[in-house]
Amino acid sequence: MKLYTRRDLRKLFAGQPVRIVSQGVIFGGYDNIIARHPRLGKMLRSGLQWLEKTPLRCLGLSHVWVVEKTAQTG
């Protein structure tokens, strides 16, 4: 498994004909925990979704980027 930082992702797109529209970090959905322990899992997910709206979102596990391909010249 490869783990990417924001810097790693920027390097991947550097020099490519793309425009980064938005970027963010989210926490997981914890569907497996919800399936086994519904009440606990839903509380955990709700709490983490709330954290996504705070400066602590930087602790999220997944990068979510919207990248738009731009017109190539040449």
Protein backbone atom coordinates (compact mmCIF):
# COMPACT_ATOMS: atom_id res chain seq x y z
CA MET A 1 0.00 0.00 0.00
CA LYS A 2 1.31 3.45 -0.90
CA LEU A 3 0.58 6.39 1.37
CA TYR A 4 0.48 9.81 -0.26
CA THR A 5 0.95 13.18 1.37
CA ARG A 6 -0.40 16.38 -0.12
CA ARG A 7 3.12 17.09 -1.37
CA ASP A 8 3.30 13.67 -3.05
CA LEU A 9 0.03 14.29 -4.86
CA ARG A 10 1.12 17.73 -5.99
CA LYS A 11 4.29 16.15 -7.45
CA LEU A 12 2.17 13.58 -9.32
CA PHE A 13 0.21 16.34 -11.03
CA ALA A 14 3.14 18.73 -11.56
CA GLY A 15 3.69 19.46 -15.22
CA GLN A 16 0.46 17.74 -16.25
CA PRO A 17 -2.25 19.60 -18.17
CA VAL A 18 -4.56 19.79 -15.15
CA ARG A 19 -5.98 22.33 -12.76
CA ILE A 20 -6.60 21.43 -9.12
CA VAL A 21 -10.15 22.63 -8.47
CA SER A 22 -10.35 21.67 -4.80
CA GLN A 23 -8.61 19.48 -2.29
CA GLY A 24 -9.52 18.16 1.10
CA VAL A 25 -9.03 15.43 3.64
CA ILE A 26 -11.77 13.23 5.11
CA PHE A 27 -12.11 10.53 7.70
CA GLY A 28 -13.30 7.05 6.77
CA GLY A 29 -16.95 5.96 6.81
CA TYR A 30 -16.38 3.06 9.19
CA ASP A 31 -19.02 0.87 7.53
CA ASN A 32 -17.50 -2.31 9.00
CA ILE A 33 -17.83 -0.99 12.54
CA ILE A 34 -21.39 0.15 11.83
CA ALA A 35 -22.25 -3.33 10.53
CA ARG A 36 -20.95 -4.98 13.72
CA HIS A 37 -21.85 -2.33 16.30
CA PRO A 38 -24.43 0.02 14.73
CA ARG A 39 -24.82 2.48 17.59
CA LEU A 40 -21.09 2.81 18.28
CA GLY A 41 -20.22 3.00 14.59
CA LYS A 42 -22.79 5.71 13.86
CA MET A 43 -21.60 7.76 16.82
CA LEU A 44 -17.99 7.41 15.67
CA ARG A 45 -18.85 8.39 12.10
CA SER A 46 -20.92 11.38 13.23
CA GLY A 47 -18.12 12.61 15.47
CA LEU A 48 -15.51 12.28 12.76
CA GLN A 49 -17.71 13.97 10.17
CA TRP A 50 -18.06 16.86 12.60
CA LEU A 51 -14.24 17.00 12.90
CA GLU A 52 -14.03 17.39 9.11
CA LYS A 53 -15.48 20.88 9.60
CA THR A 54 -12.76 21.89 12.07
CA PRO A 55 -9.00 22.50 11.80
CA LEU A 56 -8.57 18.89 13.02
CA ARG A 57 -9.62 17.71 9.56
CA CYS A 58 -5.88 17.56 8.80
CA LEU A 59 -5.90 14.28 10.77
CA GLY A 60 -8.21 12.68 8.19
CA LEU A 61 -7.23 9.49 6.44
CA SER A 62 -8.14 10.08 2.81
CA HIS A 63 -7.37 12.81 0.31
CA VAL A 64 -10.28 13.99 -1.82
CA TRP A 65 -9.24 16.08 -4.80
CA VAL A 66 -11.17 17.40 -7.76
CA VAL A 67 -8.74 17.71 -10.67
CA GLU A 68 -9.80 19.09 -14.03
CA LYS A 69 -7.98 18.26 -17.23
CA THR A 70 -7.11 21.39 -19.18
CA ALA A 71 -6.65 21.78 -22.91
CA GLN A 72 -3.29 20.54 -24.14
CA THR A 73 -1.31 22.77 -26.45
CA GLY A 74 0.86 21.50 -29.24
